[in-house]
């Protein structure tokens, strides 16, 4: 493999990581929206409100989805 192919594969890998993180944020936002309709969503928001964190379930789901997709593990244990 020459250096151009290695650089191209590296760039594709970096782009793939960020695309999967964005996809995780979209899926997390959708799931947060759905959970917001349940009593669990109310309990989560009340708990966060008591810690002086004011958000909504869509934003919380997008945050959790992004961080989960960005920092996921690939170990095969």
PDB file of N, CA and C in Angstrom:
ATOM      1  N   UNK A   1       0.851  -1.185   0.000  1.00  0.00           N
ATOM      2  CA  UNK A   1       0.000   0.000   0.000  1.00  0.00           C
ATOM      3  C   UNK A   1       0.894   1.246   0.000  1.00  0.00           C
ATOM      4  N   UNK A   2       0.562   2.168  -0.820  1.00  0.00           N
ATOM      5  CA  UNK A   2       1.336   3.397  -0.796  1.00  0.00           C
ATOM      6  C   UNK A   2       0.718   4.379   0.196  1.00  0.00           C
ATOM      7  N   UNK A   3       1.397   5.468   0.435  1.00  0.00           N
ATOM      8  CA  UNK A   3       0.995   6.408   1.483  1.00  0.00           C
ATOM      9  C   UNK A   3      -0.336   7.085   1.189  1.00  0.00           C
ATOM     10  N   UNK A   4      -0.684   7.273  -0.070  1.00  0.00           N
ATOM     11  CA  UNK A   4      -1.961   7.911  -0.407  1.00  0.00           C
ATOM     12  C   UNK A   4      -3.128   7.019   0.012  1.00  0.00           C
ATOM     13  N   UNK A   5      -2.995   5.719  -0.207  1.00  0.00           N
ATOM     14  CA  UNK A   5      -4.064   4.800   0.205  1.00  0.00           C
ATOM     15  C   UNK A   5      -4.202   4.754   1.718  1.00  0.00           C
ATOM     16  N   UNK A   6      -3.096   4.780   2.430  1.00  0.00           N
ATOM     17  CA  UNK A   6      -3.141   4.750   3.895  1.00  0.00           C
ATOM     18  C   UNK A   6      -3.801   6.016   4.430  1.00  0.00           C
ATOM     19  N   UNK A   7      -3.450   7.159   3.859  1.00  0.00           N
ATOM     20  CA  UNK A   7      -4.064   8.424   4.290  1.00  0.00           C
ATOM     21  C   UNK A   7      -5.558   8.418   3.977  1.00  0.00           C
ATOM     22  N   UNK A   8      -5.940   7.921   2.800  1.00  0.00           N
ATOM     23  CA  UNK A   8      -7.347   7.860   2.416  1.00  0.00           C
ATOM     24  C   UNK A   8      -8.137   6.955   3.355  1.00  0.00           C
ATOM     25  N   UNK A   9      -7.584   5.810   3.703  1.00  0.00           N
ATOM     26  CA  UNK A   9      -8.264   4.892   4.635  1.00  0.00           C
ATOM     27  C   UNK A   9      -8.385   5.533   6.012  1.00  0.00           C
ATOM     28  N   UNK A  10      -7.352   6.258   6.436  1.00  0.00           N
ATOM     29  CA  UNK A  10      -7.421   6.956   7.721  1.00  0.00           C
ATOM     30  C   UNK A  10      -8.500   8.020   7.748  1.00  0.00           C
ATOM     31  N   UNK A  11      -8.594   8.782   6.677  1.00  0.00           N
ATOM     32  CA  UNK A  11      -9.625   9.823   6.592  1.00  0.00           C
ATOM     33  C   UNK A  11     -11.015   9.189   6.575  1.00  0.00           C
ATOM     34  N   UNK A  12     -11.168   8.094   5.837  1.00  0.00           N
ATOM     35  CA  UNK A  12     -12.459   7.391   5.827  1.00  0.00           C
ATOM     36  C   UNK A  12     -12.825   6.878   7.217  1.00  0.00           C
ATOM     37  N   UNK A  13     -11.850   6.399   7.958  1.00  0.00           N
ATOM     38  CA  UNK A  13     -12.109   5.924   9.318  1.00  0.00           C
ATOM     39  C   UNK A  13     -12.575   7.036  10.236  1.00  0.00           C
ATOM     40  N   UNK A  14     -11.928   8.186  10.141  1.00  0.00           N
ATOM     41  CA  UNK A  14     -12.310   9.330  10.976  1.00  0.00           C
ATOM     42  C   UNK A  14     -13.711   9.810  10.613  1.00  0.00           C
ATOM     43  N   UNK A  15     -14.011   9.880   9.334  1.00  0.00           N
ATOM     44  CA  UNK A  15     -15.347  10.301   8.884  1.00  0.00           C
ATOM     45  C   UNK A  15     -16.397   9.295   9.366  1.00  0.00           C
ATOM     46  N   UNK A  16     -16.076   8.007   9.307  1.00  0.00           N
ATOM     47  CA  UNK A  16     -17.030   6.979   9.746  1.00  0.00           C
ATOM     48  C   UNK A  16     -17.331   7.108  11.234  1.00  0.00           C
ATOM     49  N   UNK A  17     -16.322   7.391  12.045  1.00  0.00           N
ATOM     50  CA  UNK A  17     -16.546   7.551  13.492  1.00  0.00           C
ATOM     51  C   UNK A  17     -17.523   8.695  13.745  1.00  0.00           C
ATOM     52  N   UNK A  18     -17.332   9.823  13.086  1.00  0.00           N
ATOM     53  CA  UNK A  18     -18.219  10.958  13.313  1.00  0.00           C
ATOM     54  C   UNK A  18     -19.609  10.729  12.719  1.00  0.00           C
ATOM     55  N   UNK A  19     -19.701  10.029  11.608  1.00  0.00           N
ATOM     56  CA  UNK A  19     -21.022   9.726  11.061  1.00  0.00           C
ATOM     57  C   UNK A  19     -21.803   8.793  11.979  1.00  0.00           C
ATOM     58  N   UNK A  20     -21.124   7.790  12.538  1.00  0.00           N
ATOM     59  CA  UNK A  20     -21.802   6.895  13.472  1.00  0.00           C
ATOM     60  C   UNK A  20     -22.201   7.633  14.747  1.00  0.00           C
ATOM     61  N   UNK A  21     -21.382   8.591  15.179  1.00  0.00           N
ATOM     62  CA  UNK A  21     -21.741   9.379  16.355  1.00  0.00           C
ATOM     63  C   UNK A  21     -22.971  10.252  16.074  1.00  0.00           C
ATOM     64  N   UNK A  22     -23.050  10.826  14.875  1.00  0.00           N
ATOM     65  CA  UNK A  22     -24.221  11.622  14.513  1.00  0.00           C
ATOM     66  C   UNK A  22     -25.467  10.737  14.392  1.00  0.00           C
ATOM     67  N   UNK A  23     -25.305   9.554  13.837  1.00  0.00           N
ATOM     68  CA  UNK A  23     -26.422   8.623  13.749  1.00  0.00           C
ATOM     69  C   UNK A  23     -26.886   8.212  15.148  1.00  0.00           C
ATOM     70  N   UNK A  24     -25.944   8.009  16.052  1.00  0.00           N
ATOM     71  CA  UNK A  24     -26.298   7.699  17.437  1.00  0.00           C
ATOM     72  C   UNK A  24     -27.066   8.830  18.094  1.00  0.00           C
ATOM     73  N   UNK A  25     -26.693  10.066  17.773  1.00  0.00           N
ATOM     74  CA  UNK A  25     -27.412  11.215  18.337  1.00  0.00           C
ATOM     75  C   UNK A  25     -28.836  11.282  17.810  1.00  0.00           C
ATOM     76  N   UNK A  26     -29.027  10.993  16.535  1.00  0.00           N
ATOM     77  CA  UNK A  26     -30.381  11.016  15.960  1.00  0.00           C
ATOM     78  C   UNK A  26     -31.239   9.917  16.573  1.00  0.00           C
ATOM     79  N   UNK A  27     -30.700   8.724  16.692  1.00  0.00           N
ATOM     80  CA  UNK A  27     -31.453   7.621  17.290  1.00  0.00           C
ATOM     81  C   UNK A  27     -31.719   7.904  18.762  1.00  0.00           C
ATOM     82  N   UNK A  28     -30.738   8.474  19.461  1.00  0.00           N
ATOM     83  CA  UNK A  28     -30.938   8.831  20.866  1.00  0.00           C
ATOM     84  C   UNK A  28     -32.004   9.889  21.054  1.00  0.00           C
ATOM     85  N   UNK A  29     -32.036  10.872  20.160  1.00  0.00           N
ATOM     86  CA  UNK A  29     -33.061  11.919  20.247  1.00  0.00           C
ATOM     87  C   UNK A  29     -34.446  11.333  20.032  1.00  0.00           C
ATOM     88  N   UNK A  30     -34.569  10.421  19.063  1.00  0.00           N
ATOM     89  CA  UNK A  30     -35.861   9.782  18.829  1.00  0.00           C
ATOM     90  C   UNK A  30     -36.286   8.950  20.040  1.00  0.00           C
ATOM     91  N   UNK A  31     -35.371   8.185  20.591  1.00  0.00           N
ATOM     92  CA  UNK A  31     -35.704   7.371  21.771  1.00  0.00           C
ATOM     93  C   UNK A  31     -36.038   8.250  22.972  1.00  0.00           C
ATOM     94  N   UNK A  32     -35.311   9.358  23.132  1.00  0.00           N
ATOM     95  CA  UNK A  32     -35.628  10.300  24.211  1.00  0.00           C
ATOM     96  C   UNK A  32     -37.008  10.901  24.038  1.00  0.00           C
ATOM     97  N   UNK A  33     -37.384  11.175  22.807  1.00  0.00           N
ATOM     98  CA  UNK A  33     -38.719  11.705  22.523  1.00  0.00           C
ATOM     99  C   UNK A  33     -39.781  10.690  22.927  1.00  0.00           C
ATOM    100  N   UNK A  34     -39.553   9.422  22.599  1.00  0.00           N
ATOM    101  CA  UNK A  34     -40.508   8.373  22.955  1.00  0.00           C
ATOM    102  C   UNK A  34     -40.580   8.201  24.472  1.00  0.00           C
ATOM    103  N   UNK A  35     -39.429   8.170  25.141  1.00  0.00           N
ATOM    104  CA  UNK A  35     -39.420   8.013  26.600  1.00  0.00           C
ATOM    105  C   UNK A  35     -40.081   9.209  27.273  1.00  0.00           C
ATOM    106  N   UNK A  36     -40.026  10.369  26.644  1.00  0.00           N
ATOM    107  CA  UNK A  36     -40.672  11.559  27.204  1.00  0.00           C
ATOM    108  C   UNK A  36     -42.173  11.420  27.349  1.00  0.00           C
ATOM    109  N   UNK A  37     -42.785  10.499  26.624  1.00  0.00           N
ATOM    110  CA  UNK A  37     -44.223  10.267  26.733  1.00  0.00           C
ATOM    111  C   UNK A  37     -44.583   9.326  27.872  1.00  0.00           C
ATOM    112  N   UNK A  38     -43.604   8.700  28.491  1.00  0.00           N
ATOM    113  CA  UNK A  38     -43.858   7.727  29.553  1.00  0.00           C
ATOM    114  C   UNK A  38     -43.619   8.379  30.914  1.00  0.00           C
ATOM    115  N   UNK A  39     -44.107   7.755  31.985  1.00  0.00           N
ATOM    116  CA  UNK A  39     -43.811   8.284  33.322  1.00  0.00           C
ATOM    117  C   UNK A  39     -42.313   8.280  33.645  1.00  0.00           C
ATOM    118  N   UNK A  40     -41.553   7.388  33.037  1.00  0.00           N
ATOM    119  CA  UNK A  40     -40.111   7.360  33.276  1.00  0.00           C
ATOM    120  C   UNK A  40     -39.461   8.675  32.857  1.00  0.00           C
ATOM    121  N   UNK A  41     -39.915   9.250  31.760  1.00  0.00           N
ATOM    122  CA  UNK A  41     -39.381  10.536  31.318  1.00  0.00           C
ATOM    123  C   UNK A  41     -39.622  11.628  32.340  1.00  0.00           C
ATOM    124  N   UNK A  42     -40.784  11.616  32.947  1.00  0.00           N
ATOM    125  CA  UNK A  42     -41.099  12.600  33.991  1.00  0.00           C
ATOM    126  C   UNK A  42     -40.190  12.420  35.190  1.00  0.00           C
ATOM    127  N   UNK A  43     -39.944  11.177  35.587  1.00  0.00           N
ATOM    128  CA  UNK A  43     -39.065  10.908  36.734  1.00  0.00           C
ATOM    129  C   UNK A  43     -37.626  11.328  36.441  1.00  0.00           C
ATOM    130  N   UNK A  44     -37.164  11.060  35.237  1.00  0.00           N
ATOM    131  CA  UNK A  44     -35.793  11.439  34.865  1.00  0.00           C
ATOM    132  C   UNK A  44     -35.635  12.954  34.892  1.00  0.00           C
ATOM    133  N   UNK A  45     -36.595  13.667  34.315  1.00  0.00           N
ATOM    134  CA  UNK A  45     -36.510  15.129  34.290  1.00  0.00           C
ATOM    135  C   UNK A  45     -36.631  15.725  35.685  1.00  0.00           C
ATOM    136  N   UNK A  46     -37.450  15.119  36.554  1.00  0.00           N
ATOM    137  CA  UNK A  46     -37.568  15.607  37.932  1.00  0.00           C
ATOM    138  C   UNK A  46     -36.260  15.386  38.689  1.00  0.00           C
ATOM    139  N   UNK A  47     -35.632  14.239  38.472  1.00  0.00           N
ATOM    140  CA  UNK A  47     -34.354  13.966  39.130  1.00  0.00           C
ATOM    141  C   UNK A  47     -33.280  14.954  38.669  1.00  0.00           C
ATOM    142  N   UNK A  48     -33.205  15.183  37.358  1.00  0.00           N
ATOM    143  CA  UNK A  48     -32.217  16.129  36.853  1.00  0.00           C
ATOM    144  C   UNK A  48     -32.519  17.554  37.300  1.00  0.00           C
ATOM    145  N   UNK A  49     -33.789  17.883  37.396  1.00  0.00           N
ATOM    146  CA  UNK A  49     -34.181  19.206  37.865  1.00  0.00           C
ATOM    147  C   UNK A  49     -33.758  19.421  39.310  1.00  0.00           C
ATOM    148  N   UNK A  50     -33.825  18.366  40.131  1.00  0.00           N
ATOM    149  CA  UNK A  50     -33.390  18.500  41.525  1.00  0.00           C
ATOM    150  C   UNK A  50     -31.890  18.720  41.622  1.00  0.00           C
ATOM    151  N   UNK A  51     -31.140  18.303  40.599  1.00  0.00           N
ATOM    152  CA  UNK A  51     -29.698  18.544  40.542  1.00  0.00           C
ATOM    153  C   UNK A  51     -29.388  19.839  39.788  1.00  0.00           C
ATOM    154  N   UNK A  52     -30.405  20.652  39.544  1.00  0.00           N
ATOM    155  CA  UNK A  52     -30.295  21.939  38.855  1.00  0.00           C
ATOM    156  C   UNK A  52     -29.821  21.775  37.408  1.00  0.00           C
ATOM    157  N   UNK A  53     -30.254  20.689  36.773  1.00  0.00           N
ATOM    158  CA  UNK A  53     -29.988  20.463  35.353  1.00  0.00           C
ATOM    159  C   UNK A  53     -31.332  20.518  34.652  1.00  0.00           C
ATOM    160  N   UNK A  54     -31.533  21.523  33.836  1.00  0.00           N
ATOM    161  CA  UNK A  54     -32.816  21.718  33.166  1.00  0.00           C
ATOM    162  C   UNK A  54     -32.650  21.412  31.676  1.00  0.00           C
ATOM    163  N   UNK A  55     -33.312  20.377  31.223  1.00  0.00           N
ATOM    164  CA  UNK A  55     -33.226  19.941  29.837  1.00  0.00           C
ATOM    165  C   UNK A  55     -34.545  19.305  29.442  1.00  0.00           C
ATOM    166  N   UNK A  56     -34.600  18.742  28.266  1.00  0.00           N
ATOM    167  CA  UNK A  56     -35.760  17.956  27.863  1.00  0.00           C
ATOM    168  C   UNK A  56     -35.267  16.580  27.414  1.00  0.00           C
ATOM    169  N   UNK A  57     -36.184  15.671  27.202  1.00  0.00           N
ATOM    170  CA  UNK A  57     -35.802  14.289  26.912  1.00  0.00           C
ATOM    171  C   UNK A  57     -35.165  14.140  25.538  1.00  0.00           C
ATOM    172  N   UNK A  58     -35.538  14.970  24.581  1.00  0.00           N
ATOM    173  CA  UNK A  58     -34.942  14.879  23.249  1.00  0.00           C
ATOM    174  C   UNK A  58     -33.462  15.262  23.316  1.00  0.00           C
ATOM    175  N   UNK A  59     -33.155  16.360  24.001  1.00  0.00           N
ATOM    176  CA  UNK A  59     -31.759  16.780  24.133  1.00  0.00           C
ATOM    177  C   UNK A  59     -30.947  15.773  24.935  1.00  0.00           C
ATOM    178  N   UNK A  60     -31.536  15.253  25.996  1.00  0.00           N
ATOM    179  CA  UNK A  60     -30.851  14.260  26.812  1.00  0.00           C
ATOM    180  C   UNK A  60     -30.586  12.989  26.011  1.00  0.00           C
ATOM    181  N   UNK A  61     -31.571  12.546  25.246  1.00  0.00           N
ATOM    182  CA  UNK A  61     -31.393  11.364  24.413  1.00  0.00           C
ATOM    183  C   UNK A  61     -30.337  11.572  23.345  1.00  0.00           C
ATOM    184  N   UNK A  62     -30.299  12.752  22.739  1.00  0.00           N
ATOM    185  CA  UNK A  62     -29.285  13.042  21.723  1.00  0.00           C
ATOM    186  C   UNK A  62     -27.887  13.049  22.342  1.00  0.00           C
ATOM    187  N   UNK A  63     -27.767  13.608  23.535  1.00  0.00           N
ATOM    188  CA  UNK A  63     -26.471  13.629  24.220  1.00  0.00           C
ATOM    189  C   UNK A  63     -25.999  12.215  24.558  1.00  0.00           C
ATOM    190  N   UNK A  64     -26.885  11.423  25.117  1.00  0.00           N
ATOM    191  CA  UNK A  64     -26.521  10.054  25.482  1.00  0.00           C
ATOM    192  C   UNK A  64     -26.231   9.218  24.234  1.00  0.00           C
ATOM    193  N   UNK A  65     -27.020   9.411  23.181  1.00  0.00           N
ATOM    194  CA  UNK A  65     -26.769   8.686  21.932  1.00  0.00           C
ATOM    195  C   UNK A  65     -25.446   9.055  21.296  1.00  0.00           C
ATOM    196  N   UNK A  66     -25.093  10.340  21.323  1.00  0.00           N
ATOM    197  CA  UNK A  66     -23.829  10.769  20.744  1.00  0.00           C
ATOM    198  C   UNK A  66     -22.658  10.214  21.535  1.00  0.00           C
ATOM    199  N   UNK A  67     -22.697  10.372  22.851  1.00  0.00           N
ATOM    200  CA  UNK A  67     -21.569   9.892  23.652  1.00  0.00           C
ATOM    201  C   UNK A  67     -21.466   8.376  23.612  1.00  0.00           C
ATOM    202  N   UNK A  68     -22.595   7.696  23.579  1.00  0.00           N
ATOM    203  CA  UNK A  68     -22.567   6.244  23.495  1.00  0.00           C
ATOM    204  C   UNK A  68     -22.009   5.748  22.176  1.00  0.00           C
ATOM    205  N   UNK A  69     -22.335   6.420  21.098  1.00  0.00           N
ATOM    206  CA  UNK A  69     -21.823   6.011  19.790  1.00  0.00           C
ATOM    207  C   UNK A  69     -20.363   6.416  19.620  1.00  0.00           C
ATOM    208  N   UNK A  70     -19.972   7.540  20.189  1.00  0.00           N
ATOM    209  CA  UNK A  70     -18.599   8.016  20.016  1.00  0.00           C
ATOM    210  C   UNK A  70     -17.617   7.217  20.867  1.00  0.00           C
ATOM    211  N   UNK A  71     -18.032   6.824  22.066  1.00  0.00           N
ATOM    212  CA  UNK A  71     -17.119   6.139  22.989  1.00  0.00           C
ATOM    213  C   UNK A  71     -17.445   4.661  23.148  1.00  0.00           C
ATOM    214  N   UNK A  72     -18.098   4.033  22.173  1.00  0.00           N
ATOM    215  CA  UNK A  72     -18.426   2.620  22.314  1.00  0.00           C
ATOM    216  C   UNK A  72     -17.182   1.752  22.190  1.00  0.00           C
ATOM    217  N   UNK A  73     -17.287   0.552  22.704  1.00  0.00           N
ATOM    218  CA  UNK A  73     -16.150  -0.357  22.733  1.00  0.00           C
ATOM    219  C   UNK A  73     -16.267  -1.386  21.606  1.00  0.00           C
ATOM    220  N   UNK A  74     -15.133  -1.781  21.101  1.00  0.00           N
ATOM    221  CA  UNK A  74     -15.092  -2.811  20.073  1.00  0.00           C
ATOM    222  C   UNK A  74     -14.462  -4.109  20.591  1.00  0.00           C
ATOM    223  N   UNK A  75     -14.346  -4.247  21.898  1.00  0.00           N
ATOM    224  CA  UNK A  75     -13.690  -5.435  22.433  1.00  0.00           C
ATOM    225  C   UNK A  75     -14.582  -6.652  22.271  1.00  0.00           C
ATOM    226  N   UNK A  76     -13.990  -7.782  22.046  1.00  0.00           N
ATOM    227  CA  UNK A  76     -14.711  -9.039  21.857  1.00  0.00           C
ATOM    228  C   UNK A  76     -14.446  -9.982  23.026  1.00  0.00           C
ATOM    229  N   UNK A  77     -14.713  -9.542  24.210  1.00  0.00           N
ATOM    230  CA  UNK A  77     -14.442 -10.371  25.390  1.00  0.00           C
ATOM    231  C   UNK A  77     -15.542 -11.361  25.617  1.00  0.00           C
TER     232      UNK A  77
END
